[in-house]
Amino acid sequence: MEPLDAYEPWVQSFAVFNSAVGG
């Protein structure tokens, strides 16, 4: 997995949410 640092802040949040829902 690439570091979230490389993404926009909102993408970071989206990735965290996506992980939470198992998607």
PDB file of N, CA and C in Angstrom:
ATOM      1  N   MET A   1       0.840  -1.203   0.000  1.00  0.00           N
ATOM      2  CA  MET A   1       0.000   0.000   0.000  1.00  0.00           C
ATOM      3  C   MET A   1       0.871   1.247   0.000  1.00  0.00           C
ATOM      4  N   GLU A   2       0.513   2.200  -0.825  1.00  0.00           N
ATOM      5  CA  GLU A   2       1.287   3.443  -0.876  1.00  0.00           C
ATOM      6  C   GLU A   2       0.979   4.329   0.334  1.00  0.00           C
ATOM      7  N   PRO A   3       1.923   5.123   0.775  1.00  0.00           N
ATOM      8  CA  PRO A   3       1.689   6.012   1.923  1.00  0.00           C
ATOM      9  C   PRO A   3       0.595   7.023   1.629  1.00  0.00           C
ATOM     10  N   LEU A   4      -0.325   7.185   2.588  1.00  0.00           N
ATOM     11  CA  LEU A   4      -1.424   8.130   2.390  1.00  0.00           C
ATOM     12  C   LEU A   4      -0.904   9.548   2.252  1.00  0.00           C
ATOM     13  N   ASP A   5       0.334   9.765   2.685  1.00  0.00           N
ATOM     14  CA  ASP A   5       0.940  11.093   2.573  1.00  0.00           C
ATOM     15  C   ASP A   5       0.968  11.565   1.120  1.00  0.00           C
ATOM     16  N   ALA A   6       0.954  10.597   0.208  1.00  0.00           N
ATOM     17  CA  ALA A   6       1.044  10.949  -1.202  1.00  0.00           C
ATOM     18  C   ALA A   6      -0.298  11.422  -1.739  1.00  0.00           C
ATOM     19  N   TYR A   7      -1.349  11.258  -0.928  1.00  0.00           N
ATOM     20  CA  TYR A   7      -2.691  11.617  -1.383  1.00  0.00           C
ATOM     21  C   TYR A   7      -3.165  12.923  -0.768  1.00  0.00           C
ATOM     22  N   GLU A   8      -4.234  13.441  -1.330  1.00  0.00           N
ATOM     23  CA  GLU A   8      -4.850  14.646  -0.773  1.00  0.00           C
ATOM     24  C   GLU A   8      -5.467  14.322   0.582  1.00  0.00           C
ATOM     25  N   PRO A   9      -5.594  15.321   1.458  1.00  0.00           N
ATOM     26  CA  PRO A   9      -6.153  15.099   2.799  1.00  0.00           C
ATOM     27  C   PRO A   9      -7.520  14.427   2.753  1.00  0.00           C
ATOM     28  N   TRP A  10      -8.376  14.832   1.803  1.00  0.00           N
ATOM     29  CA  TRP A  10      -9.714  14.237   1.756  1.00  0.00           C
ATOM     30  C   TRP A  10      -9.643  12.786   1.317  1.00  0.00           C
ATOM     31  N   VAL A  11      -8.648  12.474   0.496  1.00  0.00           N
ATOM     32  CA  VAL A  11      -8.470  11.089   0.075  1.00  0.00           C
ATOM     33  C   VAL A  11      -8.023  10.245   1.262  1.00  0.00           C
ATOM     34  N   GLN A  12      -7.209  10.859   2.142  1.00  0.00           N
ATOM     35  CA  GLN A  12      -6.796  10.160   3.364  1.00  0.00           C
ATOM     36  C   GLN A  12      -8.026   9.761   4.165  1.00  0.00           C
ATOM     37  N   SER A  13      -8.928  10.712   4.366  1.00  0.00           N
ATOM     38  CA  SER A  13     -10.139  10.452   5.135  1.00  0.00           C
ATOM     39  C   SER A  13     -10.977   9.390   4.441  1.00  0.00           C
ATOM     40  N   PHE A  14     -11.070   9.492   3.121  1.00  0.00           N
ATOM     41  CA  PHE A  14     -11.858   8.526   2.360  1.00  0.00           C
ATOM     42  C   PHE A  14     -11.271   7.126   2.499  1.00  0.00           C
ATOM     43  N   ALA A  15      -9.942   7.041   2.470  1.00  0.00           N
ATOM     44  CA  ALA A  15      -9.277   5.753   2.599  1.00  0.00           C
ATOM     45  C   ALA A  15      -9.542   5.145   3.972  1.00  0.00           C
ATOM     46  N   VAL A  16      -9.514   5.986   5.004  1.00  0.00           N
ATOM     47  CA  VAL A  16      -9.790   5.510   6.360  1.00  0.00           C
ATOM     48  C   VAL A  16     -11.224   5.006   6.450  1.00  0.00           C
ATOM     49  N   PHE A  17     -12.149   5.773   5.874  1.00  0.00           N
ATOM     50  CA  PHE A  17     -13.558   5.372   5.882  1.00  0.00           C
ATOM     51  C   PHE A  17     -13.738   4.085   5.097  1.00  0.00           C
ATOM     52  N   ASN A  18     -13.091   4.006   3.952  1.00  0.00           N
ATOM     53  CA  ASN A  18     -13.176   2.815   3.108  1.00  0.00           C
ATOM     54  C   ASN A  18     -12.670   1.596   3.867  1.00  0.00           C
ATOM     55  N   SER A  19     -11.587   1.768   4.598  1.00  0.00           N
ATOM     56  CA  SER A  19     -11.033   0.676   5.389  1.00  0.00           C
ATOM     57  C   SER A  19     -12.006   0.264   6.486  1.00  0.00           C
ATOM     58  N   ALA A  20     -12.673   1.252   7.071  1.00  0.00           N
ATOM     59  CA  ALA A  20     -13.600   0.975   8.166  1.00  0.00           C
ATOM     60  C   ALA A  20     -14.772   0.135   7.681  1.00  0.00           C
ATOM     61  N   VAL A  21     -15.220   0.371   6.456  1.00  0.00           N
ATOM     62  CA  VAL A  21     -16.362  -0.366   5.933  1.00  0.00           C
ATOM     63  C   VAL A  21     -15.908  -1.638   5.226  1.00  0.00           C
ATOM     64  N   GLY A  22     -14.599  -1.875   5.225  1.00  0.00           N
ATOM     65  CA  GLY A  22     -14.062  -3.094   4.639  1.00  0.00           C
ATOM     66  C   GLY A  22     -14.054  -3.059   3.125  1.00  0.00           C
ATOM     67  N   GLY A  23     -14.064  -1.866   2.550  1.00  0.00           N
ATOM     68  CA  GLY A  23     -14.093  -1.776   1.106  1.00  0.00           C
ATOM     69  C   GLY A  23     -12.772  -1.285   0.584  1.00  0.00           C
TER      70      GLY A  23
END
